[in-house]
Amino acid sequence: MALQRLPKPIFVSKNIKIFFLKNDKESLRISISKKNFKLAVSRNLIKRRIKEVFRINDLNKNDVNELMVFKPFLLLSYQEASFEICKAVKS
C-alpha cells in the first residue's frame, strides 16, 4: 500500500482526527498506531467500539473515510466515546 498524503482533517480533538478522502471507497478506515497501543487486543477493542458506534447511530451514510485514534481515547468510557464520535461526524 502506497503512502498518501492526507488532506486537512474535518474534525480534530485530543482523542480522534477525522478525514474525508474524495477518491476512496465508501468504507470506514480506522487507523490506530502501534506506537500508542502496543497490544493488538486493545487496538481491536477500539476498532470494534468505533464500528459499533457507527452502526448503532447510523453514521455510515456520512462522509467519513478515515478516522485516526490517539492514546487518550482508551481512557474514555463507551458512552463518552460514542458521544464524541457522534458529535464529530455530525458537525
N, C-alpha and C. Protein backbone atom coordinates (compact mmCIF):
# COMPACT_ATOMS: atom_id res chain seq x y z
N MET A 1 0.83 -1.17 0.00
CA MET A 1 0.00 0.00 0.00
C MET A 1 0.88 1.24 0.00
N ALA A 2 0.68 2.08 -0.95
CA ALA A 2 1.48 3.29 -1.06
C ALA A 2 0.99 4.33 -0.06
N LEU A 3 1.93 5.07 0.48
CA LEU A 3 1.57 6.13 1.40
C LEU A 3 0.99 7.29 0.62
N GLN A 4 -0.06 7.86 1.17
CA GLN A 4 -0.65 9.01 0.52
C GLN A 4 -0.77 10.14 1.53
N ARG A 5 -0.74 11.35 1.04
CA ARG A 5 -0.90 12.50 1.92
C ARG A 5 -2.37 12.64 2.27
N LEU A 6 -2.62 12.83 3.53
CA LEU A 6 -3.99 13.04 3.97
C LEU A 6 -4.32 14.52 3.86
N PRO A 7 -5.55 14.84 3.48
CA PRO A 7 -5.95 16.25 3.46
C PRO A 7 -6.12 16.77 4.88
N LYS A 8 -6.47 18.02 5.00
CA LYS A 8 -6.72 18.58 6.32
C LYS A 8 -7.87 17.83 6.97
N PRO A 9 -7.76 17.57 8.26
CA PRO A 9 -8.86 16.86 8.94
C PRO A 9 -10.11 17.73 9.02
N ILE A 10 -11.27 17.07 8.98
CA ILE A 10 -12.52 17.82 9.11
C ILE A 10 -12.94 17.95 10.56
N PHE A 11 -12.33 17.16 11.45
CA PHE A 11 -12.56 17.28 12.89
C PHE A 11 -11.30 16.85 13.62
N VAL A 12 -10.92 17.62 14.65
CA VAL A 12 -9.74 17.30 15.43
C VAL A 12 -10.06 17.46 16.91
N SER A 13 -9.71 16.48 17.70
CA SER A 13 -9.76 16.59 19.15
C SER A 13 -8.53 15.88 19.70
N LYS A 14 -8.39 15.85 21.01
CA LYS A 14 -7.22 15.18 21.58
C LYS A 14 -7.33 13.66 21.47
N ASN A 15 -8.53 13.14 21.16
CA ASN A 15 -8.74 11.70 21.07
C ASN A 15 -8.77 11.16 19.65
N ILE A 16 -9.37 11.92 18.73
CA ILE A 16 -9.53 11.42 17.35
C ILE A 16 -9.32 12.54 16.34
N LYS A 17 -9.01 12.14 15.12
CA LYS A 17 -8.99 13.02 13.95
C LYS A 17 -9.82 12.34 12.88
N ILE A 18 -10.63 13.11 12.17
CA ILE A 18 -11.47 12.56 11.12
C ILE A 18 -11.11 13.24 9.80
N PHE A 19 -10.91 12.41 8.77
CA PHE A 19 -10.56 12.90 7.44
C PHE A 19 -11.62 12.47 6.44
N PHE A 20 -11.74 13.23 5.36
CA PHE A 20 -12.58 12.84 4.23
C PHE A 20 -11.69 12.72 3.01
N LEU A 21 -11.68 11.54 2.41
CA LEU A 21 -10.88 11.28 1.22
C LEU A 21 -11.82 11.16 0.03
N LYS A 22 -11.64 11.99 -0.99
CA LYS A 22 -12.59 12.04 -2.09
C LYS A 22 -12.60 10.80 -2.98
N ASN A 23 -11.46 10.36 -3.45
CA ASN A 23 -11.41 9.25 -4.40
C ASN A 23 -11.16 7.93 -3.70
N ASP A 24 -11.94 7.65 -2.72
CA ASP A 24 -11.73 6.45 -1.94
C ASP A 24 -13.03 5.66 -1.87
N LYS A 25 -12.92 4.42 -1.47
CA LYS A 25 -14.11 3.61 -1.28
C LYS A 25 -14.96 4.23 -0.18
N GLU A 26 -16.20 3.82 -0.11
CA GLU A 26 -17.09 4.38 0.89
C GLU A 26 -16.98 3.68 2.24
N SER A 27 -16.00 2.83 2.40
CA SER A 27 -15.84 2.12 3.66
C SER A 27 -15.10 2.99 4.67
N LEU A 28 -15.28 2.68 5.92
CA LEU A 28 -14.63 3.40 7.01
C LEU A 28 -13.28 2.76 7.28
N ARG A 29 -12.24 3.58 7.36
CA ARG A 29 -10.92 3.09 7.72
C ARG A 29 -10.55 3.66 9.07
N ILE A 30 -10.13 2.80 9.96
CA ILE A 30 -9.76 3.21 11.31
C ILE A 30 -8.26 2.98 11.46
N SER A 31 -7.54 4.05 11.78
CA SER A 31 -6.10 3.99 11.89
C SER A 31 -5.69 4.12 13.36
N ILE A 32 -5.03 3.08 13.87
CA ILE A 32 -4.59 3.09 15.26
C ILE A 32 -3.10 2.75 15.28
N SER A 33 -2.33 3.63 15.85
CA SER A 33 -0.88 3.48 15.86
C SER A 33 -0.43 2.39 16.83
N LYS A 34 0.45 1.55 16.35
CA LYS A 34 1.03 0.51 17.21
C LYS A 34 1.95 1.15 18.25
N LYS A 35 2.44 2.33 17.94
CA LYS A 35 3.30 3.05 18.88
C LYS A 35 2.52 3.45 20.14
N ASN A 36 1.26 3.85 19.96
CA ASN A 36 0.44 4.28 21.09
C ASN A 36 -0.23 3.12 21.82
N PHE A 37 -0.64 2.10 21.07
CA PHE A 37 -1.34 0.95 21.64
C PHE A 37 -0.55 -0.30 21.30
N LYS A 38 0.24 -0.77 22.24
CA LYS A 38 1.16 -1.88 21.99
C LYS A 38 0.45 -3.21 21.72
N LEU A 39 -0.60 -3.49 22.48
CA LEU A 39 -1.26 -4.79 22.36
C LEU A 39 -2.32 -4.78 21.27
N ALA A 40 -2.33 -5.83 20.48
CA ALA A 40 -3.34 -5.96 19.43
C ALA A 40 -4.74 -6.06 20.03
N VAL A 41 -4.83 -6.58 21.24
CA VAL A 41 -6.13 -6.70 21.91
C VAL A 41 -6.76 -5.33 22.11
N SER A 42 -5.97 -4.36 22.55
CA SER A 42 -6.51 -3.02 22.78
C SER A 42 -6.84 -2.32 21.46
N ARG A 43 -6.02 -2.52 20.43
CA ARG A 43 -6.32 -1.93 19.12
C ARG A 43 -7.61 -2.50 18.55
N ASN A 44 -7.80 -3.80 18.68
CA ASN A 44 -9.02 -4.43 18.17
C ASN A 44 -10.24 -4.00 18.96
N LEU A 45 -10.09 -3.82 20.27
CA LEU A 45 -11.19 -3.35 21.10
C LEU A 45 -11.66 -1.97 20.65
N ILE A 46 -10.72 -1.08 20.40
CA ILE A 46 -11.06 0.27 19.95
C ILE A 46 -11.76 0.22 18.60
N LYS A 47 -11.25 -0.58 17.68
CA LYS A 47 -11.88 -0.70 16.37
C LYS A 47 -13.30 -1.23 16.47
N ARG A 48 -13.51 -2.24 17.30
CA ARG A 48 -14.86 -2.78 17.48
C ARG A 48 -15.81 -1.75 18.07
N ARG A 49 -15.33 -0.99 19.05
CA ARG A 49 -16.16 0.05 19.66
C ARG A 49 -16.56 1.11 18.63
N ILE A 50 -15.61 1.56 17.84
CA ILE A 50 -15.89 2.60 16.86
C ILE A 50 -16.86 2.09 15.80
N LYS A 51 -16.66 0.88 15.31
CA LYS A 51 -17.58 0.31 14.32
C LYS A 51 -18.98 0.17 14.89
N GLU A 52 -19.09 -0.21 16.16
CA GLU A 52 -20.39 -0.36 16.79
C GLU A 52 -21.08 0.99 16.95
N VAL A 53 -20.34 2.03 17.28
CA VAL A 53 -20.91 3.37 17.38
C VAL A 53 -21.45 3.81 16.02
N PHE A 54 -20.70 3.56 14.97
CA PHE A 54 -21.15 3.92 13.63
C PHE A 54 -22.39 3.12 13.24
N ARG A 55 -22.45 1.85 13.61
CA ARG A 55 -23.59 1.01 13.25
C ARG A 55 -24.85 1.41 14.02
N ILE A 56 -24.73 1.59 15.33
CA ILE A 56 -25.90 1.90 16.16
C ILE A 56 -26.48 3.27 15.83
N ASN A 57 -25.63 4.26 15.60
CA ASN A 57 -26.09 5.62 15.35
C ASN A 57 -26.31 5.91 13.87
N ASP A 58 -26.15 4.91 13.03
CA ASP A 58 -26.37 5.03 11.58
C ASP A 58 -25.54 6.16 10.98
N LEU A 59 -24.26 6.16 11.28
CA LEU A 59 -23.36 7.20 10.80
C LEU A 59 -22.64 6.81 9.52
N ASN A 60 -22.90 5.62 8.99
CA ASN A 60 -22.20 5.15 7.80
C ASN A 60 -22.52 5.97 6.56
N LYS A 61 -23.62 6.68 6.57
CA LYS A 61 -24.01 7.45 5.40
C LYS A 61 -23.29 8.79 5.31
N ASN A 62 -22.61 9.18 6.36
CA ASN A 62 -21.89 10.45 6.36
C ASN A 62 -20.58 10.31 5.59
N ASP A 63 -19.94 11.43 5.33
CA ASP A 63 -18.74 11.47 4.51
C ASP A 63 -17.46 11.27 5.30
N VAL A 64 -17.40 10.22 6.08
CA VAL A 64 -16.19 9.93 6.85
C VAL A 64 -15.51 8.72 6.24
N ASN A 65 -14.24 8.86 5.91
CA ASN A 65 -13.49 7.76 5.35
C ASN A 65 -12.36 7.30 6.26
N GLU A 66 -11.69 8.21 6.87
CA GLU A 66 -10.50 7.87 7.67
C GLU A 66 -10.68 8.43 9.08
N LEU A 67 -10.45 7.59 10.06
CA LEU A 67 -10.55 8.00 11.45
C LEU A 67 -9.26 7.58 12.15
N MET A 68 -8.53 8.53 12.70
CA MET A 68 -7.29 8.23 13.42
C MET A 68 -7.54 8.36 14.91
N VAL A 69 -7.04 7.40 15.67
CA VAL A 69 -7.29 7.34 17.11
C VAL A 69 -5.98 7.58 17.86
N PHE A 70 -6.08 8.36 18.94
CA PHE A 70 -4.91 8.67 19.75
C PHE A 70 -5.05 8.09 21.15
N LYS A 71 -3.99 8.12 21.91
CA LYS A 71 -3.90 7.42 23.19
C LYS A 71 -5.00 7.75 24.21
N PRO A 72 -5.42 8.99 24.40
CA PRO A 72 -6.44 9.25 25.41
C PRO A 72 -7.80 8.60 25.11
N PHE A 73 -8.00 8.13 23.90
CA PHE A 73 -9.28 7.52 23.53
C PHE A 73 -9.57 6.29 24.38
N LEU A 74 -8.55 5.55 24.75
CA LEU A 74 -8.73 4.32 25.53
C LEU A 74 -9.23 4.62 26.94
N LEU A 75 -8.98 5.82 27.43
CA LEU A 75 -9.43 6.19 28.77
C LEU A 75 -10.92 6.55 28.82
N LEU A 76 -11.52 6.81 27.66
CA LEU A 76 -12.93 7.18 27.61
C LEU A 76 -13.81 5.95 27.82
N SER A 77 -14.95 6.16 28.46
CA SER A 77 -15.92 5.07 28.54
C SER A 77 -16.61 4.94 27.18
N TYR A 78 -17.37 3.88 27.02
CA TYR A 78 -18.05 3.66 25.73
C TYR A 78 -19.02 4.80 25.44
N GLN A 79 -19.75 5.28 26.44
CA GLN A 79 -20.72 6.35 26.23
C GLN A 79 -20.03 7.66 25.88
N GLU A 80 -18.92 7.97 26.53
CA GLU A 80 -18.18 9.19 26.21
C GLU A 80 -17.61 9.12 24.80
N ALA A 81 -17.07 7.97 24.44
CA ALA A 81 -16.52 7.80 23.10
C ALA A 81 -17.62 7.91 22.05
N SER A 82 -18.76 7.31 22.33
CA SER A 82 -19.90 7.38 21.41
C SER A 82 -20.34 8.82 21.22
N PHE A 83 -20.44 9.57 22.31
CA PHE A 83 -20.85 10.97 22.22
C PHE A 83 -19.86 11.78 21.40
N GLU A 84 -18.57 11.58 21.63
CA GLU A 84 -17.56 12.35 20.90
C GLU A 84 -17.56 12.01 19.41
N ILE A 85 -17.69 10.74 19.07
CA ILE A 85 -17.70 10.35 17.66
C ILE A 85 -18.94 10.91 16.96
N CYS A 86 -20.09 10.81 17.60
CA CYS A 86 -21.34 11.33 17.00
C CYS A 86 -21.23 12.84 16.80
N LYS A 87 -20.71 13.54 17.80
CA LYS A 87 -20.54 14.99 17.70
C LYS A 87 -19.59 15.34 16.55
N ALA A 88 -18.52 14.58 16.43
CA ALA A 88 -17.52 14.86 15.41
C ALA A 88 -18.06 14.60 14.01
N VAL A 89 -18.77 13.51 13.82
CA VAL A 89 -19.25 13.14 12.49
C VAL A 89 -20.40 14.03 12.05
N LYS A 90 -21.25 14.41 12.96
CA LYS A 90 -22.42 15.22 12.60
C LYS A 90 -22.08 16.69 12.45
N SER A 91 -20.90 17.12 12.89
CA SER A 91 -20.52 18.52 12.76
C SER A 91 -19.99 18.85 11.39
